[in-house]
Amino acid sequence: MPSQPSQTQKPGGGGARSWQKIVHKLDQALSADPRRVHYLVAAGCIVVIYLCGVTGQWWPTPDSALYLSLARSLARGEGYLFNGQVSTDVTPGFPLILAGIQRTFGAGFAAQNLFMTLSGLASLAVIFVTVARVAHRHTALLVTLLAAFSYPFYLACHVILTDIAFVLLFWGLIYCCIRLYEGSLWWLAAMAVLIVLSLTIRIPGLLPMVPLILGVVVDLLARRRIRRAILVGGVCLGLAAALAIGFYLLSCLSGTDRPLYSQSAAELVATSWGPLAQRGLLAIADLPTGMAEILTSQSGLWPVGLGAIVLMVAGAAWCRRTRCYLFLTLAIGCPVLLAILGGVRAIRPRYFLPAFPAMVLLMIVGLQQLLAWIRGRLSLATFPRPTKEVVLFILLLAAMNLPRLLRDAFYYSYSAHTGRYYQVIRNGHYEEFFAAARFLEKRLSPDASAAIDTKWVSQLYYAIDRHVLTLPSATAASPTSSPSDWRRARYVVISHEEKSLAPLTAEALPPGSKAVLPGRVFSVYELP
């Protein structure tokens, strides 16, 4: 006879037991120490996703157009020229690198994009090695994974900008700082070289570099290495100041305008304390939004960013116990300085990238502190292996970025190979922009010029390789160029969707102007 079911067996018990087995296996996987094969698998996934995102197309931004234009001028042997005059906007390190790539591999974008991606992968390797010197290797893996799968970090590795090259040199500098604590003074020489290289590539790198150097000095003082602290602080801060002053003097001698960083500094000095404090407080209030965006690639999740900041503050106690203050000064000082000096416009994930791994490290330590407090254990004098709750927390944050990463790595790459790249990215806006650029490139003579809104000047100049004039804003009290300037242009490109910038509209063009290439986003008008 068939056996009768037990009276205590509940309906659906098999499904409940299966779910319990799944939870038990997941708990075991999160609690186990990763083996070498796990590190290799993680590294392999990162390399595949990053290299699949390399295309032969240009992801346009105003800054990247400026760097590419300067590199093109250098590669041709024409000098450091942009739009017909010597540029004082950016330091020459990055354009020189791009010029070398262009002269070696041609003007295409594949080699330049590959250089950016390889710089990003090298940055992740340096971040892992650096964090592993002060923390558990498991923790270093989590910090590296979250950095690698942060969409702003991934995007910076596939856009021709200075950010990721600076991150590579900056974290090399942090590694040298840690080796300097008990090692030879030759590490100070390596630090000096990295400071020169990083600031030559990106002079705004002064902002995260100052709290880093101050943190190193505090670390050395905590170790009673007073003479070494004075030497390191004097050499590093003095070298950074000398570079900033040197680039300023060089710009004054060779260009017509002062460097942008000196203009920003002059504006800060001229601003009274009241408005400056108000602007800083508003920006600090916006920090949770910026933190949430770099952690999750989602906008509006400010509670996540606020929780991350709370965890970072909780992790500060570990820095005191281990006498490793440089991560604290970098993770806290960098965003606060951005808020005070740059206001709300500076609270962007792109500007957080140099300090981002330090922020993640403090978040992990802070969560460990919180879990230890809940369990009644507060001894974190050394960095323990991350618990399964910490691992799950980091993996969940990384997973929130995956949809956009996979879109860029595979869908955008496929679109680039099928010729639909500019129809897909940025909602298809750049398809019309490049159509207008091709039209102007064919119609304009070498000595003729076009005019466009100020946001698009560098991109149009790089696209058509002709002189570009700046259209005045429709509502600006003092336009960037006088009417007599832009009316000398043969053609005018009107942007229909730059409402925040209040660009010049078609109705304000001289009588007799006609639309020769009308579009939904960009239209080209021929002036009489």
Protein backbone atom coordinates (compact mmCIF):
# COMPACT_ATOMS: atom_id res chain seq x y z
CA MET A 1 0.00 0.00 0.00
CA PRO A 2 1.25 3.52 -0.70
CA SER A 3 2.56 5.28 2.34
CA GLN A 4 0.34 7.87 3.87
CA PRO A 5 1.61 11.47 4.19
CA SER A 6 2.72 12.49 7.65
CA GLN A 7 0.16 14.37 9.64
CA THR A 8 2.73 17.05 10.49
CA GLN A 9 3.78 17.67 6.89
CA LYS A 10 2.53 21.08 5.75
CA PRO A 11 1.44 21.92 2.20
CA GLY A 12 4.28 23.45 0.24
CA GLY A 13 6.89 22.07 2.64
CA GLY A 14 9.11 20.92 -0.23
CA GLY A 15 9.22 24.44 -1.66
CA ALA A 16 10.01 25.91 1.75
CA ARG A 17 12.88 23.45 2.24
CA SER A 18 14.23 24.28 -1.22
CA TRP A 19 14.15 27.96 -0.38
CA GLN A 20 15.94 27.28 2.91
CA LYS A 21 18.65 25.38 1.00
CA ILE A 22 19.10 28.31 -1.39
CA VAL A 23 19.37 30.76 1.51
CA HIS A 24 21.82 28.44 3.30
CA LYS A 25 24.05 28.15 0.21
CA LEU A 26 23.92 31.92 -0.33
CA ASP A 27 24.86 32.43 3.33
CA GLN A 28 27.81 30.06 2.92
CA ALA A 29 28.95 31.78 -0.28
CA LEU A 30 28.85 35.24 1.31
CA SER A 31 30.63 34.05 4.46
CA ALA A 32 33.46 32.17 2.74
CA ASP A 33 36.82 33.72 2.01
CA PRO A 34 37.35 34.18 -1.74
CA ARG A 35 39.92 31.86 -3.27
CA ARG A 36 42.36 32.76 -6.02
CA VAL A 37 39.92 31.56 -8.66
CA HIS A 38 37.33 34.05 -7.36
CA TYR A 39 39.77 36.93 -7.78
CA LEU A 40 40.55 35.76 -11.30
CA VAL A 41 36.87 35.45 -12.20
CA ALA A 42 36.14 38.94 -10.84
CA ALA A 43 39.09 40.40 -12.74
CA GLY A 44 38.06 38.57 -15.92
CA CYS A 45 34.47 39.89 -15.76
CA ILE A 46 35.73 43.45 -15.27
CA VAL A 47 38.20 43.20 -18.16
CA VAL A 48 35.60 41.72 -20.54
CA ILE A 49 32.93 44.32 -19.77
CA TYR A 50 35.40 47.20 -20.00
CA LEU A 51 37.04 46.06 -23.25
CA CYS A 52 33.68 45.30 -24.87
CA GLY A 53 32.78 48.95 -24.30
CA VAL A 54 35.68 50.20 -26.45
CA THR A 55 34.45 51.55 -29.77
CA GLY A 56 35.89 53.45 -32.69
CA GLN A 57 33.46 56.32 -32.10
CA TRP A 58 33.75 59.55 -30.16
CA TRP A 59 31.55 60.13 -27.12
CA PRO A 60 31.20 63.92 -27.51
CA THR A 61 31.57 66.35 -24.62
CA PRO A 62 32.77 69.97 -24.67
CA ASP A 63 35.92 69.18 -22.66
CA SER A 64 36.88 66.16 -24.73
CA ALA A 65 36.50 68.23 -27.90
CA LEU A 66 38.91 70.78 -26.41
CA TYR A 67 41.51 68.11 -25.58
CA LEU A 68 41.17 66.47 -28.99
CA SER A 69 41.45 69.80 -30.79
CA LEU A 70 44.63 70.69 -28.92
CA ALA A 71 46.04 67.21 -29.59
CA ARG A 72 45.26 67.56 -33.31
CA SER A 73 47.04 70.91 -33.39
CA LEU A 74 50.08 69.45 -31.60
CA ALA A 75 50.15 66.38 -33.85
CA ARG A 76 50.19 68.63 -36.90
CA GLY A 77 53.03 70.69 -35.48
CA GLU A 78 50.89 73.85 -35.34
CA GLY A 79 51.39 74.49 -31.61
CA TYR A 80 49.06 74.58 -28.64
CA LEU A 81 46.17 76.21 -30.53
CA PHE A 82 42.43 76.03 -30.15
CA ASN A 83 40.05 77.83 -32.48
CA GLY A 84 42.86 79.95 -33.89
CA GLN A 85 44.55 81.10 -30.67
CA VAL A 86 46.80 79.78 -27.91
CA SER A 87 44.75 77.93 -25.29
CA THR A 88 45.13 78.71 -21.59
CA ASP A 89 42.17 76.66 -20.41
CA VAL A 90 43.90 73.36 -19.66
CA THR A 91 47.41 72.14 -18.85
CA PRO A 92 49.23 70.40 -21.71
CA GLY A 93 49.82 66.92 -20.27
CA PHE A 94 46.72 65.17 -21.59
CA PRO A 95 46.73 66.79 -25.07
CA LEU A 96 50.39 65.76 -25.42
CA ILE A 97 49.48 62.13 -24.68
CA LEU A 98 46.62 62.23 -27.18
CA ALA A 99 48.87 63.87 -29.77
CA GLY A 100 51.36 61.03 -29.38
CA ILE A 101 48.58 58.46 -29.87
CA GLN A 102 47.30 60.31 -32.96
CA ARG A 103 50.73 60.51 -34.54
CA THR A 104 51.35 56.81 -33.86
CA PHE A 105 47.96 55.28 -34.65
CA GLY A 106 46.20 57.98 -36.68
CA ALA A 107 43.36 60.34 -35.87
CA GLY A 108 40.78 57.58 -35.31
CA PHE A 109 39.17 57.07 -31.93
CA ALA A 110 39.76 53.34 -31.38
CA ALA A 111 43.33 53.73 -30.08
CA GLN A 112 42.45 56.75 -27.95
CA ASN A 113 39.42 55.02 -26.46
CA LEU A 114 41.50 51.90 -25.79
CA PHE A 115 44.07 54.04 -23.98
CA MET A 116 41.34 55.43 -21.72
CA THR A 117 39.99 51.95 -20.93
CA LEU A 118 43.43 50.50 -20.21
CA SER A 119 44.07 53.47 -17.90
CA GLY A 120 40.87 52.60 -16.05
CA LEU A 121 41.82 48.93 -15.69
CA ALA A 122 45.28 49.93 -14.46
CA SER A 123 43.63 52.30 -11.95
CA LEU A 124 41.53 49.44 -10.57
CA ALA A 125 44.65 47.30 -10.17
CA VAL A 126 46.46 50.09 -8.29
CA ILE A 127 43.40 50.69 -6.09
CA PHE A 128 43.28 46.98 -5.16
CA VAL A 129 47.00 46.80 -4.34
CA THR A 130 46.86 50.03 -2.31
CA VAL A 131 43.83 49.10 -0.21
CA ALA A 132 45.23 45.59 0.34
CA ARG A 133 48.26 47.11 2.09
CA VAL A 134 46.10 48.57 4.86
CA ALA A 135 43.05 46.29 4.90
CA HIS A 136 41.96 42.70 4.36
CA ARG A 137 42.34 41.46 0.76
CA HIS A 138 38.63 40.65 0.80
CA THR A 139 37.92 44.29 1.61
CA ALA A 140 40.26 45.43 -1.19
CA LEU A 141 38.31 43.22 -3.58
CA LEU A 142 34.99 44.76 -2.49
CA VAL A 143 36.33 48.31 -2.87
CA THR A 144 37.67 47.50 -6.34
CA LEU A 145 34.44 45.79 -7.43
CA LEU A 146 32.25 48.70 -6.41
CA ALA A 147 34.59 51.17 -8.12
CA ALA A 148 34.67 49.04 -11.28
CA PHE A 149 30.89 48.65 -11.40
CA SER A 150 30.14 52.26 -10.58
CA TYR A 151 28.69 53.70 -13.78
CA PRO A 152 30.41 57.11 -13.43
CA PHE A 153 33.76 55.31 -13.09
CA TYR A 154 32.97 53.08 -16.08
CA LEU A 155 31.91 56.04 -18.19
CA ALA A 156 35.10 57.93 -17.32
CA CYS A 157 37.05 54.97 -18.71
CA HIS A 158 35.29 55.30 -22.08
CA VAL A 159 35.24 59.08 -22.51
CA ILE A 160 38.28 61.05 -23.64
CA LEU A 161 38.71 63.18 -20.52
CA THR A 162 41.45 63.67 -17.94
CA ASP A 163 39.62 62.10 -15.00
CA ILE A 164 40.66 58.47 -15.25
CA ALA A 165 44.28 59.22 -16.17
CA PHE A 166 44.45 61.42 -13.08
CA VAL A 167 42.89 58.67 -10.93
CA LEU A 168 45.61 56.25 -12.06
CA LEU A 169 48.42 58.63 -11.08
CA PHE A 170 46.63 59.78 -7.93
CA TRP A 171 46.23 56.27 -6.52
CA GLY A 172 49.82 55.54 -7.46
CA LEU A 173 50.62 58.55 -5.28
CA ILE A 174 48.54 57.11 -2.42
CA TYR A 175 50.43 53.81 -2.71
CA CYS A 176 53.74 55.66 -2.45
CA CYS A 177 52.44 57.57 0.57
CA ILE A 178 51.66 54.33 2.42
CA ARG A 179 55.06 52.85 1.54
CA LEU A 180 56.72 56.04 2.77
CA TYR A 181 55.46 55.62 6.34
CA GLU A 182 58.10 53.11 7.36
CA GLY A 183 60.09 52.84 4.15
CA SER A 184 62.85 54.70 2.37
CA LEU A 185 62.72 58.38 1.47
CA TRP A 186 63.04 57.30 -2.16
CA TRP A 187 59.25 56.94 -2.01
CA LEU A 188 59.14 60.72 -1.55
CA ALA A 189 60.97 61.10 -4.87
CA ALA A 190 58.36 58.85 -6.51
CA MET A 191 55.63 60.98 -4.94
CA ALA A 192 57.18 64.15 -6.38
CA VAL A 193 57.25 62.64 -9.88
CA LEU A 194 53.60 61.55 -9.62
CA ILE A 195 52.53 64.99 -8.35
CA VAL A 196 54.17 66.66 -11.37
CA LEU A 197 52.63 64.20 -13.84
CA SER A 198 49.13 64.27 -12.34
CA LEU A 199 48.91 68.06 -12.09
CA THR A 200 50.31 68.46 -15.60
CA ILE A 201 47.46 66.27 -16.81
CA ARG A 202 44.75 67.79 -14.58
CA ILE A 203 45.44 70.98 -12.62
CA PRO A 204 42.05 70.79 -10.76
CA GLY A 205 43.63 67.73 -9.14
CA LEU A 206 45.01 70.20 -6.61
CA LEU A 207 41.68 69.95 -4.83
CA PRO A 208 41.85 66.26 -3.78
CA MET A 209 45.64 66.41 -3.48
CA VAL A 210 45.66 68.96 -0.65
CA PRO A 211 43.61 66.87 1.84
CA LEU A 212 45.61 63.79 0.83
CA ILE A 213 48.96 65.43 1.62
CA LEU A 214 47.60 66.83 4.89
CA GLY A 215 46.42 63.34 5.83
CA VAL A 216 49.89 61.92 5.12
CA VAL A 217 51.46 64.59 7.35
CA VAL A 218 49.02 63.75 10.16
CA ASP A 219 49.80 60.04 9.76
CA LEU A 220 53.52 60.68 10.06
CA LEU A 221 53.01 62.87 13.12
CA ALA A 222 50.89 60.13 14.71
CA ARG A 223 53.84 57.77 14.16
CA ARG A 224 56.18 60.35 15.77
CA ARG A 225 58.03 60.90 12.50
CA ILE A 226 58.06 64.67 12.94
CA ARG A 227 61.04 65.48 10.70
CA ARG A 228 59.71 63.30 7.92
CA ALA A 229 56.26 64.90 8.27
CA ILE A 230 57.75 68.39 7.86
CA LEU A 231 59.83 67.24 4.88
CA VAL A 232 56.94 65.50 3.11
CA GLY A 233 54.49 68.34 3.71
CA GLY A 234 56.97 70.99 2.58
CA VAL A 235 58.08 69.13 -0.55
CA CYS A 236 54.61 68.02 -1.70
CA LEU A 237 52.66 71.19 -0.94
CA GLY A 238 55.50 73.37 -2.19
CA LEU A 239 55.75 71.41 -5.43
CA ALA A 240 51.98 71.57 -6.01
CA ALA A 241 51.96 75.34 -5.39
CA ALA A 242 54.99 75.83 -7.66
CA LEU A 243 53.27 73.96 -10.49
CA ALA A 244 50.07 76.00 -10.14
CA ILE A 245 52.02 79.27 -10.16
CA GLY A 246 54.25 78.08 -13.00
CA PHE A 247 51.32 77.18 -15.25
CA TYR A 248 49.72 80.53 -14.45
CA LEU A 249 52.84 82.48 -15.42
CA LEU A 250 53.29 80.40 -18.56
CA SER A 251 49.69 81.10 -19.56
CA CYS A 252 50.12 84.83 -18.97
CA LEU A 253 53.21 84.88 -21.17
CA SER A 254 51.80 82.82 -24.04
CA GLY A 255 48.06 83.47 -24.03
CA THR A 256 45.54 86.24 -24.00
CA ASP A 257 43.43 84.95 -21.10
CA ARG A 258 44.27 83.78 -17.62
CA PRO A 259 43.84 80.04 -16.85
CA LEU A 260 40.38 78.98 -15.80
CA TYR A 261 41.54 77.81 -12.37
CA SER A 262 43.04 81.24 -11.64
CA GLN A 263 39.79 82.91 -12.74
CA SER A 264 37.85 80.68 -10.36
CA ALA A 265 40.29 81.49 -7.55
CA ALA A 266 39.93 85.23 -8.24
CA GLU A 267 36.13 84.91 -8.08
CA LEU A 268 36.37 83.16 -4.72
CA VAL A 269 38.64 85.86 -3.31
CA ALA A 270 36.27 88.56 -4.55
CA THR A 271 33.21 86.86 -3.03
CA SER A 272 32.23 87.98 0.45
CA TRP A 273 31.99 85.50 3.30
CA GLY A 274 28.19 85.56 3.50
CA PRO A 275 27.38 84.44 -0.07
CA LEU A 276 30.33 82.04 -0.01
CA ALA A 277 29.08 80.35 3.16
CA GLN A 278 25.53 80.20 1.83
CA ARG A 279 26.71 78.62 -1.43
CA GLY A 280 28.82 76.11 0.49
CA LEU A 281 25.97 75.10 2.79
CA LEU A 282 23.61 74.58 -0.15
CA ALA A 283 26.23 72.43 -1.85
CA ILE A 284 26.89 70.40 1.30
CA ALA A 285 23.15 69.79 1.56
CA ASP A 286 23.33 68.38 -1.98
CA LEU A 287 26.16 65.95 -1.13
CA PRO A 288 23.81 62.99 -0.40
CA THR A 289 22.38 63.28 -3.92
CA GLY A 290 25.84 63.27 -5.47
CA MET A 291 26.92 60.32 -3.32
CA ALA A 292 23.84 58.34 -4.28
CA GLU A 293 24.48 58.96 -7.96
CA ILE A 294 28.08 57.72 -7.92
CA LEU A 295 27.09 54.68 -5.84
CA THR A 296 23.94 53.62 -7.71
CA SER A 297 23.94 55.63 -10.98
CA GLN A 298 20.37 56.60 -10.07
CA SER A 299 19.14 60.13 -9.48
CA GLY A 300 16.89 61.07 -6.58
CA LEU A 301 18.06 58.36 -4.17
CA TRP A 302 19.42 60.87 -1.67
CA PRO A 303 18.56 58.65 1.37
CA VAL A 304 21.10 56.13 0.04
CA GLY A 305 23.70 58.88 -0.21
CA LEU A 306 22.88 60.13 3.28
CA GLY A 307 23.26 56.61 4.67
CA ALA A 308 26.61 56.29 2.90
CA ILE A 309 27.84 59.52 4.49
CA VAL A 310 26.74 58.30 7.94
CA LEU A 311 28.69 55.07 7.40
CA MET A 312 31.76 57.04 6.31
CA VAL A 313 31.62 59.11 9.50
CA ALA A 314 31.24 55.91 11.54
CA GLY A 315 34.32 54.51 9.82
CA ALA A 316 36.43 57.45 10.93
CA ALA A 317 37.20 55.70 14.24
CA TRP A 318 39.16 53.01 12.39
CA CYS A 319 41.43 55.70 10.90
CA ARG A 320 42.24 56.91 14.41
CA ARG A 321 42.97 53.42 15.72
CA THR A 322 45.14 52.36 12.79
CA ARG A 323 46.79 55.79 12.38
CA CYS A 324 45.80 55.92 8.71
CA TYR A 325 44.19 59.34 8.43
CA LEU A 326 44.87 59.92 4.74
CA PHE A 327 41.74 57.97 3.73
CA LEU A 328 39.66 60.03 6.15
CA THR A 329 40.97 63.41 5.01
CA LEU A 330 40.57 62.39 1.37
CA ALA A 331 37.08 60.88 1.66
CA ILE A 332 35.69 63.71 3.80
CA GLY A 333 37.86 66.64 2.73
CA CYS A 334 37.49 66.23 -1.04
CA PRO A 335 33.66 66.52 -1.25
CA VAL A 336 33.55 69.24 1.40
CA LEU A 337 36.15 71.30 -0.49
CA LEU A 338 34.21 70.75 -3.70
CA ALA A 339 31.08 72.05 -2.03
CA ILE A 340 32.75 75.11 -0.51
CA LEU A 341 34.84 76.13 -3.51
CA GLY A 342 32.59 75.05 -6.38
CA GLY A 343 29.07 75.24 -5.02
CA VAL A 344 26.24 72.97 -6.19
CA ARG A 345 27.64 72.78 -9.73
CA ALA A 346 30.72 70.97 -8.34
CA ILE A 347 28.68 68.17 -6.72
CA ARG A 348 29.07 65.81 -9.65
CA PRO A 349 30.06 62.14 -9.58
CA ARG A 350 32.85 62.86 -12.07
CA TYR A 351 34.60 65.09 -9.54
CA PHE A 352 34.29 62.46 -6.78
CA LEU A 353 36.25 59.81 -8.71
CA PRO A 354 39.72 60.38 -7.13
CA ALA A 355 38.29 60.05 -3.60
CA PHE A 356 35.62 57.45 -4.42
CA PRO A 357 37.59 54.29 -3.44
CA ALA A 358 38.52 55.93 -0.11
CA MET A 359 34.83 56.72 0.43
CA VAL A 360 33.91 53.08 -0.22
CA LEU A 361 36.61 51.88 2.19
CA LEU A 362 35.26 54.11 4.97
CA MET A 363 31.72 52.93 4.20
CA ILE A 364 32.78 49.31 4.62
CA VAL A 365 34.60 50.09 7.88
CA GLY A 366 31.62 52.09 9.12
CA LEU A 367 29.23 49.23 8.40
CA GLN A 368 31.61 46.87 10.21
CA GLN A 369 31.59 49.28 13.16
CA LEU A 370 27.79 49.36 13.17
CA LEU A 371 27.48 45.57 13.02
CA ALA A 372 30.10 45.18 15.76
CA TRP A 373 28.19 47.63 17.95
CA ILE A 374 24.96 45.69 17.41
CA ARG A 375 26.70 42.46 18.39
CA GLY A 376 28.37 44.07 21.38
CA ARG A 377 31.92 43.95 20.03
CA LEU A 378 33.74 47.21 19.38
CA SER A 379 37.34 46.01 18.91
CA LEU A 380 38.23 47.06 15.37
CA ALA A 381 41.83 48.02 16.07
CA THR A 382 42.74 45.87 13.09
CA PHE A 383 40.75 45.50 9.94
CA PRO A 384 38.74 42.24 10.11
CA ARG A 385 37.45 40.20 7.19
CA PRO A 386 34.20 41.70 5.90
CA THR A 387 31.08 39.97 7.14
CA LYS A 388 28.44 38.54 4.85
CA GLU A 389 26.21 41.57 5.47
CA VAL A 390 28.95 43.88 4.20
CA VAL A 391 29.54 41.71 1.13
CA LEU A 392 25.83 41.66 0.31
CA PHE A 393 25.58 45.44 0.77
CA ILE A 394 28.43 46.13 -1.67
CA LEU A 395 27.12 43.61 -4.21
CA LEU A 396 23.65 45.19 -4.12
CA LEU A 397 25.12 48.64 -4.79
CA ALA A 398 27.17 47.25 -7.67
CA ALA A 399 24.11 45.50 -9.11
CA MET A 400 22.20 48.80 -9.30
CA ASN A 401 24.79 50.04 -11.81
CA LEU A 402 24.78 46.92 -13.99
CA PRO A 403 21.92 47.84 -16.38
CA ARG A 404 23.67 51.01 -17.57
CA LEU A 405 27.08 49.30 -17.69
CA LEU A 406 25.79 46.45 -19.82
CA ARG A 407 23.95 48.90 -22.07
CA ASP A 408 27.16 50.83 -22.75
CA ALA A 409 29.33 47.73 -23.05
CA PHE A 410 27.16 45.75 -25.46
CA TYR A 411 24.25 47.73 -26.93
CA TYR A 412 26.23 50.90 -27.58
CA SER A 413 29.16 48.89 -28.92
CA TYR A 414 26.85 46.98 -31.24
CA SER A 415 25.30 50.28 -32.37
CA ALA A 416 28.78 51.63 -33.12
CA HIS A 417 29.55 48.66 -35.36
CA THR A 418 26.23 49.03 -37.22
CA GLY A 419 26.61 52.76 -37.81
CA ARG A 420 23.75 53.72 -35.46
CA TYR A 421 25.91 55.01 -32.58
CA TYR A 422 24.91 58.67 -32.81
CA GLN A 423 21.28 57.73 -33.35
CA VAL A 424 21.29 55.93 -29.99
CA ILE A 425 23.43 57.88 -27.50
CA ARG A 426 22.11 61.03 -25.86
CA ASN A 427 18.59 60.40 -27.22
CA GLY A 428 19.80 60.81 -30.78
CA HIS A 429 20.71 64.49 -30.40
CA TYR A 430 24.17 64.00 -31.83
CA GLU A 431 22.87 62.52 -35.08
CA GLU A 432 21.55 65.96 -36.07
CA PHE A 433 24.65 67.69 -34.69
CA PHE A 434 27.01 65.68 -36.88
CA ALA A 435 24.68 66.06 -39.84
CA ALA A 436 25.01 69.84 -39.39
CA ALA A 437 28.79 69.48 -39.02
CA ARG A 438 29.08 67.48 -42.25
CA PHE A 439 26.97 70.10 -44.03
CA LEU A 440 29.20 72.93 -42.82
CA GLU A 441 32.40 71.04 -43.59
CA LYS A 442 31.34 70.78 -47.23
CA ARG A 443 30.02 74.34 -47.60
CA LEU A 444 32.56 76.38 -45.64
CA SER A 445 35.74 77.60 -47.27
CA PRO A 446 38.97 77.43 -45.17
CA ASP A 447 38.76 81.13 -44.29
CA ALA A 448 35.00 81.17 -43.54
CA SER A 449 33.45 80.54 -40.14
CA ALA A 450 30.26 79.34 -38.47
CA ALA A 451 28.62 80.41 -35.22
CA ILE A 452 26.94 78.33 -32.51
CA ASP A 453 25.91 78.53 -28.85
CA THR A 454 28.84 78.63 -26.40
CA LYS A 455 28.23 75.07 -25.10
CA TRP A 456 28.80 73.63 -28.57
CA VAL A 457 31.72 75.78 -29.78
CA SER A 458 34.49 73.29 -28.95
CA GLN A 459 32.57 70.33 -30.35
CA LEU A 460 31.71 72.07 -33.61
CA TYR A 461 35.26 73.36 -34.00
CA TYR A 462 36.69 69.87 -33.60
CA ALA A 463 34.09 68.37 -35.95
CA ILE A 464 34.55 70.81 -38.86
CA ASP A 465 38.13 72.04 -38.26
CA ARG A 466 37.08 75.60 -39.10
CA HIS A 467 36.95 78.76 -37.02
CA VAL A 468 33.78 78.91 -34.89
CA LEU A 469 32.25 82.06 -33.43
CA THR A 470 30.16 82.20 -30.27
CA LEU A 471 26.52 83.17 -30.41
CA PRO A 472 25.37 85.57 -27.69
CA SER A 473 22.80 84.37 -25.20
CA ALA A 474 19.30 85.63 -25.90
CA THR A 475 18.97 87.00 -22.35
CA ALA A 476 22.56 87.73 -21.38
CA ALA A 477 23.28 91.27 -20.22
CA SER A 478 26.82 91.06 -21.61
CA PRO A 479 27.04 88.52 -24.45
CA THR A 480 30.22 86.55 -24.85
CA SER A 481 30.67 87.98 -28.33
CA SER A 482 29.38 91.22 -29.83
CA PRO A 483 26.76 91.17 -32.63
CA SER A 484 29.40 92.31 -35.10
CA ASP A 485 31.38 89.12 -34.33
CA TRP A 486 28.84 86.38 -34.94
CA ARG A 487 27.25 88.20 -37.88
CA ARG A 488 30.52 87.78 -39.72
CA ALA A 489 29.76 84.05 -39.83
CA ARG A 490 28.57 82.48 -43.06
CA TYR A 491 26.30 80.03 -41.27
CA VAL A 492 24.67 79.91 -37.83
CA VAL A 493 23.72 76.70 -36.02
CA ILE A 494 20.71 77.15 -33.73
CA SER A 495 20.18 74.72 -30.85
CA HIS A 496 16.47 74.33 -30.11
CA GLU A 497 16.74 72.50 -26.80
CA GLU A 498 19.30 74.51 -24.80
CA LYS A 499 16.60 76.36 -22.88
CA SER A 500 18.62 76.52 -19.66
CA LEU A 501 21.33 78.50 -21.46
CA ALA A 502 18.83 80.80 -23.21
CA PRO A 503 20.64 80.64 -26.58
CA LEU A 504 19.99 82.96 -29.48
CA THR A 505 16.82 81.94 -31.31
CA ALA A 506 16.11 81.87 -35.03
CA GLU A 507 13.81 84.89 -34.68
CA ALA A 508 16.78 87.02 -33.57
CA LEU A 509 18.78 86.34 -36.75
CA PRO A 510 19.20 89.17 -39.29
CA PRO A 511 16.39 89.63 -41.85
CA GLY A 512 16.93 87.50 -44.90
CA SER A 513 18.43 84.55 -43.05
CA LYS A 514 17.17 81.23 -44.36
CA ALA A 515 17.12 77.72 -42.95
CA VAL A 516 19.29 75.55 -45.20
CA LEU A 517 19.24 72.47 -42.94
CA PRO A 518 16.22 72.50 -40.60
CA GLY A 519 16.06 69.95 -37.78
CA ARG A 520 14.30 69.06 -34.56
CA VAL A 521 17.34 69.69 -32.33
CA PHE A 522 19.79 71.62 -34.54
CA SER A 523 19.10 73.83 -37.55
CA VAL A 524 21.60 75.51 -39.84
CA TYR A 525 20.81 79.02 -41.11
CA GLU A 526 22.61 80.90 -43.84
CA LEU A 527 23.11 84.59 -43.09
CA PRO A 528 22.50 87.19 -45.84
